[in-house]
Protein backbone atom coordinates (compact mmCIF):
# COMPACT_ATOMS: atom_id res chain seq x y z
CA MET A 1 33.89 9.49 -21.21
CA ARG A 2 37.31 8.88 -20.13
CA ALA A 3 37.66 7.15 -16.83
CA PRO A 4 40.24 8.76 -14.62
CA SER A 5 43.49 6.99 -14.70
CA PRO A 6 45.19 5.78 -11.38
CA LEU A 7 48.38 7.25 -11.79
CA SER A 8 50.95 7.56 -8.98
CA ARG A 9 51.24 11.15 -7.94
CA PRO A 10 54.48 12.81 -6.95
CA PRO A 11 55.20 14.16 -3.54
CA GLY A 12 52.48 16.36 -2.02
CA LEU A 13 53.96 19.72 -3.33
CA LEU A 14 52.20 19.16 -6.62
CA VAL A 15 48.69 18.80 -5.08
CA VAL A 16 49.46 21.69 -2.73
CA VAL A 17 50.42 24.13 -5.31
CA ILE A 18 47.64 23.01 -7.80
CA SER A 19 45.02 23.33 -4.98
CA VAL A 20 46.25 27.07 -3.71
CA GLY A 21 46.22 28.19 -7.25
CA LEU A 22 42.73 27.12 -8.09
CA VAL A 23 41.13 27.86 -4.80
CA ALA A 24 42.69 30.85 -3.41
CA ALA A 25 43.14 32.70 -6.53
CA CYS A 26 39.55 34.37 -6.67
CA SER A 27 38.80 34.64 -2.98
CA THR A 28 39.43 38.30 -2.73
CA PRO A 29 37.34 41.01 -5.06
CA PRO A 30 39.21 43.53 -6.80
CA GLY A 31 40.18 46.62 -4.73
CA ALA A 32 41.01 44.54 -1.84
CA PRO A 33 44.75 43.62 -0.99
CA PRO A 34 45.55 40.22 -2.99
CA PRO A 35 46.10 37.02 -0.99
CA PRO A 36 49.86 37.17 -0.18
CA ALA A 37 50.24 33.31 -0.75
CA ALA A 38 48.10 32.49 -3.65
CA THR A 39 49.66 31.19 -6.74
CA PRO A 40 47.58 32.26 -9.99
CA THR A 41 46.89 29.57 -12.25
CA TRP A 42 47.16 30.00 -15.96
CA SER A 43 49.47 30.49 -18.66
CA THR A 44 48.10 31.73 -22.20
CA ALA A 45 48.96 30.78 -25.70
CA ALA A 46 46.98 31.99 -28.47
CA PRO A 47 46.80 31.91 -32.35
CA SER A 48 48.73 34.75 -34.11
CA PRO A 49 49.89 35.41 -37.81
CA GLY A 50 53.31 33.85 -36.67
CA PRO A 51 55.84 33.74 -33.92
CA GLU A 52 55.97 36.95 -32.07
CA SER A 53 59.31 38.97 -31.83
CA PRO A 54 59.94 42.06 -29.66
CA ALA A 55 59.07 45.26 -31.11
CA GLY A 56 58.41 48.87 -30.33
CA GLY A 57 58.78 49.25 -26.68
CA ALA A 58 59.24 45.86 -25.72
CA PRO A 59 61.57 44.88 -22.83
CA SER A 60 64.68 43.06 -23.59
CA THR A 61 67.57 41.50 -21.64
CA SER A 62 70.09 44.15 -22.43
CA PRO A 63 72.59 44.42 -19.44
CA GLY A 64 72.53 47.58 -17.23
CA ALA A 65 68.87 48.28 -17.77
CA ASP A 66 66.52 48.14 -15.06
CA PRO A 67 64.86 44.88 -14.50
CA VAL A 68 61.03 44.47 -15.35
CA THR A 69 59.12 44.07 -12.17
CA LEU A 70 55.56 42.77 -11.92
CA PRO A 71 53.00 45.56 -11.00
CA SER A 72 51.07 42.95 -8.53
CA ALA A 73 51.68 40.16 -6.43
CA HIS A 74 48.95 38.34 -7.84
CA VAL A 75 49.62 37.73 -11.56
CA HIS A 76 47.41 35.36 -13.59
CA ALA A 77 48.76 35.38 -17.07
CA ILE A 78 51.78 37.11 -18.97
CA ALA A 79 52.13 37.33 -22.67
CA ARG A 80 53.43 39.44 -25.49
CA ASP A 81 51.18 41.39 -27.92
CA PRO A 82 52.01 40.05 -31.35
CA GLY A 83 51.67 43.34 -32.88
CA SER A 84 53.46 45.56 -30.74
CA GLY A 85 55.67 42.91 -29.14
CA LYS A 86 54.88 44.75 -25.65
CA LEU A 87 54.70 42.61 -22.68
CA VAL A 88 51.15 42.10 -21.28
CA VAL A 89 50.17 41.08 -17.65
CA ALA A 90 46.84 40.03 -16.64
CA ALA A 91 46.63 40.79 -12.81
CA HIS A 92 44.09 40.79 -9.85
CA ASP A 93 43.53 44.45 -10.40
CA GLY A 94 43.51 44.58 -14.34
CA LEU A 95 45.51 44.48 -17.38
CA TYR A 96 49.04 46.11 -17.72
CA VAL A 97 50.93 46.84 -20.75
CA TYR A 98 54.59 47.63 -20.59
CA ASN A 99 56.19 50.60 -22.27
CA GLY A 100 59.95 49.36 -22.07
CA THR A 101 59.97 48.53 -18.41
CA THR A 102 57.31 50.58 -17.22
CA PRO A 103 53.73 48.91 -16.62
CA GLU A 104 50.64 51.04 -17.34
CA ARG A 105 47.33 49.66 -16.21
CA VAL A 106 44.72 49.78 -19.11
CA GLY A 107 41.15 49.59 -19.16
CA PRO A 108 38.72 48.91 -16.34
CA VAL A 109 39.50 47.09 -12.86
CA ILE A 110 38.87 43.55 -13.46
CA ASP A 111 40.19 40.54 -11.58
CA LEU A 112 41.24 38.80 -14.75
CA MET A 113 41.24 35.04 -13.66
CA GLY A 114 41.63 33.84 -17.21
CA PHE A 115 43.40 35.65 -20.03
CA THR A 116 44.46 34.76 -23.69
CA VAL A 117 45.90 36.84 -26.54
CA ALA A 118 44.11 36.02 -29.83
CA GLY A 119 45.88 38.43 -32.17
CA PRO A 120 47.29 42.06 -32.21
CA GLY A 121 45.34 43.98 -29.37
CA HIS A 122 42.76 41.19 -29.51
CA TYR A 123 42.41 39.49 -26.15
CA TYR A 124 39.86 37.28 -24.55
CA ALA A 125 39.43 37.30 -20.47
CA SER A 126 37.18 36.14 -17.77
CA GLY A 127 37.04 36.89 -14.03
CA HIS A 128 35.35 39.38 -11.62
CA PRO A 129 34.48 43.07 -12.29
CA GLY A 130 35.84 45.78 -9.87
CA THR A 131 33.20 47.68 -7.81
CA ALA A 132 33.13 50.83 -10.22
CA THR A 133 32.92 48.54 -13.64
CA ASP A 134 29.82 47.94 -15.37
CA LEU A 135 30.13 44.23 -16.08
CA PRO A 136 28.21 41.16 -14.68
CA GLN A 137 29.57 39.15 -11.83
CA PRO A 138 31.36 37.05 -12.93
CA VAL A 139 31.76 38.60 -16.36
CA GLY A 140 31.79 35.39 -18.37
CA LEU A 141 33.48 35.48 -21.59
CA ILE A 142 34.60 39.04 -22.56
CA GLU A 143 36.62 40.36 -25.60
CA SER A 144 38.83 43.50 -26.13
CA ARG A 145 39.71 44.59 -29.68
CA ASP A 146 41.66 47.71 -28.59
CA GLY A 147 44.41 46.22 -26.47
CA GLY A 148 42.53 46.08 -23.38
CA LYS A 149 41.05 49.66 -23.19
CA THR A 150 37.42 48.48 -23.73
CA TRP A 151 35.79 44.92 -23.10
CA LYS A 152 32.56 43.62 -24.21
CA VAL A 153 30.53 40.70 -22.92
CA LEU A 154 30.20 37.85 -25.54
CA SER A 155 28.48 35.13 -23.52
CA ARG A 156 27.78 33.73 -20.12
CA GLY A 157 28.03 36.90 -17.96
CA GLY A 158 26.64 36.31 -14.58
CA GLN A 159 27.33 32.55 -15.21
CA SER A 160 31.10 31.71 -15.85
CA ASP A 161 34.42 32.48 -14.28
CA PHE A 162 36.71 30.87 -16.46
CA HIS A 163 39.82 30.12 -14.53
CA ALA A 164 41.56 28.60 -17.35
CA LEU A 165 41.37 30.13 -20.83
CA THR A 166 42.98 29.67 -24.21
CA THR A 167 42.61 29.84 -27.91
CA THR A 168 43.43 27.56 -30.71
CA GLY A 169 43.27 28.30 -34.29
CA GLN A 170 39.61 27.65 -34.31
CA ALA A 171 37.99 28.07 -30.90
CA VAL A 172 38.28 29.59 -27.46
CA VAL A 173 38.30 26.79 -24.81
CA GLY A 174 37.73 27.51 -20.98
CA PHE A 175 37.10 25.78 -17.79
CA ASP A 176 34.46 27.23 -15.24
CA GLY A 177 33.88 23.98 -13.58
CA ALA A 178 33.51 22.18 -16.73
CA VAL A 179 35.68 22.34 -20.12
CA ARG A 180 33.45 24.36 -22.71
CA ALA A 181 34.52 25.41 -26.16
CA THR A 182 33.03 28.09 -28.66
CA THR A 183 33.65 29.09 -32.19
CA ASP A 184 31.61 31.96 -32.14
CA GLY A 185 32.04 33.40 -28.59
CA ARG A 186 28.40 32.93 -27.71
CA THR A 187 27.37 29.12 -28.12
CA TRP A 188 29.35 26.49 -26.23
CA ALA A 189 29.99 22.64 -26.31
CA ASP A 190 30.99 20.77 -23.07
CA GLY A 191 34.03 18.72 -23.26
CA ASN A 192 34.53 15.34 -21.55
CA LEU A 193 37.37 16.26 -19.41
CA ASP A 194 36.88 14.84 -15.96
CA SER A 195 40.15 16.32 -14.45
CA GLN A 196 40.15 19.83 -13.20
CA PRO A 197 42.88 21.81 -15.22
CA ARG A 198 45.26 24.18 -13.69
CA THR A 199 46.01 25.62 -17.18
CA LEU A 200 44.95 25.24 -20.79
CA SER A 201 47.11 25.81 -23.65
CA GLY A 202 45.88 25.78 -27.43
CA SER A 203 47.98 25.38 -30.44
CA ARG A 204 48.33 28.46 -32.74
CA GLU A 205 47.01 26.42 -35.46
CA GLY A 206 44.52 23.46 -35.74
CA ALA A 207 42.37 22.24 -32.67
CA THR A 208 45.11 20.68 -30.20
CA VAL A 209 44.63 21.79 -26.68
CA LEU A 210 46.68 20.72 -23.48
CA ALA A 211 45.70 20.69 -19.85
CA THR A 212 47.58 20.40 -16.94
CA THR A 213 45.87 18.34 -14.13
CA GLU A 214 46.59 16.57 -10.81
CA GLU A 215 46.11 13.19 -12.93
CA GLY A 216 48.86 14.55 -15.34
CA LEU A 217 48.85 16.00 -18.89
CA MET A 218 45.71 15.64 -20.96
CA ARG A 219 45.49 16.32 -24.55
CA SER A 220 42.85 17.05 -26.97
CA THR A 221 43.15 17.08 -30.79
CA ASP A 222 39.44 18.37 -31.58
CA GLY A 223 39.14 21.63 -29.62
CA GLY A 224 38.40 20.27 -26.03
CA ALA A 225 35.68 17.71 -27.02
CA THR A 226 37.59 14.67 -26.08
CA TRP A 227 40.78 14.20 -24.09
CA GLN A 228 43.66 11.62 -23.83
CA GLN A 229 45.86 11.16 -20.89
CA MET A 230 49.61 11.43 -21.94
CA ASP A 231 51.22 8.81 -19.75
CA GLN A 232 54.79 9.40 -20.87
CA ALA A 233 54.57 13.16 -20.29
CA PRO A 234 56.40 14.99 -17.41
CA TRP A 235 54.21 16.09 -14.57
CA LEU A 236 53.66 19.76 -15.66
CA LEU A 237 52.46 22.60 -13.50
CA MET A 238 51.48 24.71 -16.69
CA ALA A 239 52.20 24.67 -20.29
CA ALA A 240 52.25 27.09 -23.22
CA PHE A 241 52.36 26.70 -26.81
CA GLY A 242 54.97 28.73 -28.51
CA ASP A 243 53.67 27.91 -32.28
CA ALA A 244 51.55 25.36 -33.90
CA ASP A 245 53.59 22.32 -32.57
CA THR A 246 56.23 23.70 -29.87
CA VAL A 247 55.32 23.63 -26.32
CA ALA A 248 57.13 24.70 -23.15
CA GLY A 249 56.05 23.00 -19.98
CA LEU A 250 57.11 23.86 -16.36
CA THR A 251 57.01 21.22 -13.55
CA PRO A 252 56.07 21.89 -9.78
CA TYR A 253 59.81 22.01 -9.08
CA GLY A 254 60.68 24.77 -11.76
CA GLN A 255 62.10 22.56 -14.47
CA VAL A 256 61.20 23.41 -18.15
CA HIS A 257 60.57 20.72 -20.57
CA THR A 258 59.91 21.20 -24.26
CA SER A 259 57.97 19.52 -26.80
CA ALA A 260 58.20 19.95 -30.63
CA ASP A 261 55.14 17.77 -31.54
CA ALA A 262 52.24 19.43 -29.78
CA GLY A 263 52.91 17.83 -26.69
CA ARG A 264 53.16 13.91 -27.71
CA THR A 265 56.80 13.80 -26.57
CA TRP A 266 58.94 15.68 -24.44
CA ARG A 267 62.58 16.80 -23.78
CA ALA A 268 63.78 18.03 -20.50
CA THR A 269 65.96 21.18 -20.47
CA ASP A 270 68.48 22.58 -17.81
CA LEU A 271 66.08 25.90 -17.37
CA LEU A 272 64.95 26.26 -13.94
CA ALA A 273 62.35 28.61 -12.46
CA SER A 274 61.29 27.65 -9.03
CA ASP A 275 58.75 30.49 -8.27
CA ALA A 276 56.60 30.75 -11.47
CA GLN A 277 53.14 32.42 -11.34
CA ALA A 278 52.60 32.25 -14.95
CA LEU A 279 54.27 31.27 -18.11
CA TYR A 280 54.03 32.15 -21.86
CA ALA A 281 56.13 30.90 -24.98
CA SER A 282 56.66 32.07 -28.61
CA GLY A 283 58.55 30.78 -31.71
CA GLU A 284 60.25 27.43 -31.89
CA GLY A 285 63.79 25.96 -31.75
CA GLU A 286 66.60 28.48 -31.29
CA SER A 287 64.24 31.28 -31.38
CA LEU A 288 61.95 29.92 -28.67
CA GLU A 289 61.22 32.64 -26.14
CA VAL A 290 60.09 31.35 -22.69
CA LEU A 291 58.73 34.15 -20.25
CA VAL A 292 58.18 33.31 -16.67
CA ALA A 293 56.34 35.52 -13.91
CA ASP A 294 58.63 34.70 -11.05
CA GLY A 295 58.09 36.24 -7.87
CA SER A 296 58.30 40.06 -8.33
CA LYS A 297 60.19 39.70 -11.96
CA VAL A 298 59.82 38.50 -15.34
CA LEU A 299 62.55 35.92 -16.50
CA VAL A 300 63.27 35.29 -20.01
CA SER A 301 65.07 32.74 -21.91
CA THR A 302 65.70 32.55 -25.72
CA GLY A 303 66.80 29.47 -27.64
CA GLY A 304 67.40 27.43 -24.49
CA GLN A 305 69.91 30.16 -22.94
CA PRO A 306 69.60 30.35 -18.92
CA PHE A 307 66.90 32.50 -17.73
CA GLN A 308 67.66 36.20 -17.12
CA PRO A 309 65.84 39.10 -15.57
CA MET A 310 63.99 40.93 -18.50
CA ARG A 311 65.16 44.39 -18.87
């Protein structure tokens, strides 16, 4: 077991933001007004056949079009579906899929506390069911293979509310008070992470997982079983793999850092997103796309260009 490292912490903002995201995010059941000051906690990065690119009715940054607005003030995750390229938003009152700039809620009302995309139309999630939803409380690990229209409980129904959830090329990794991993969706092995992760992000190939915590960035190369503190990494509020090795991370002050070696080393960028609720990345290098749920809108940066409202 790794002993917690006595790193000095940055100003109190980090602790406050992380605490609000982890404690307040699930205090209100679906159907009630979402907490106005809560900061949802996790970004997602999931395995796919390759870097995603916008397709079909995916939003763009074309000038003159109306900007994409978020469907809820309480957003937990954003992503692109790797099949359609459409924007997907996991929120307090369910899953939304965008047809262009228009969000459409699909599937039942579930407070999707944890959410990750595993492939085209293939999602994993966790959280709390709405009052008219025939799912256990909490839902445990649930899976959809039809783009969120229907969900099936795989395991830990009535036991686990995974506030952080991700996939690697080999496993699903979640945090419900302990870090756990499963390769079949049903049997779980506990990891030895002592810190509470705000976000988990898995490499789209292999078994590397990054956890952003109050103690700093933690890294696992065995699917969440063992962890190492990355002492030279920036202090990150959230992180998201873009492909097997490329990672985008966001500090509590909104600065984006990138890594090209799965989180071992980092480079600061000029990109700033000061009011981020969720982070998503896809691609690498000049094709790296970074999406941020920021206030009431979605910001996008491609190839290191400044953030612009998605349109």
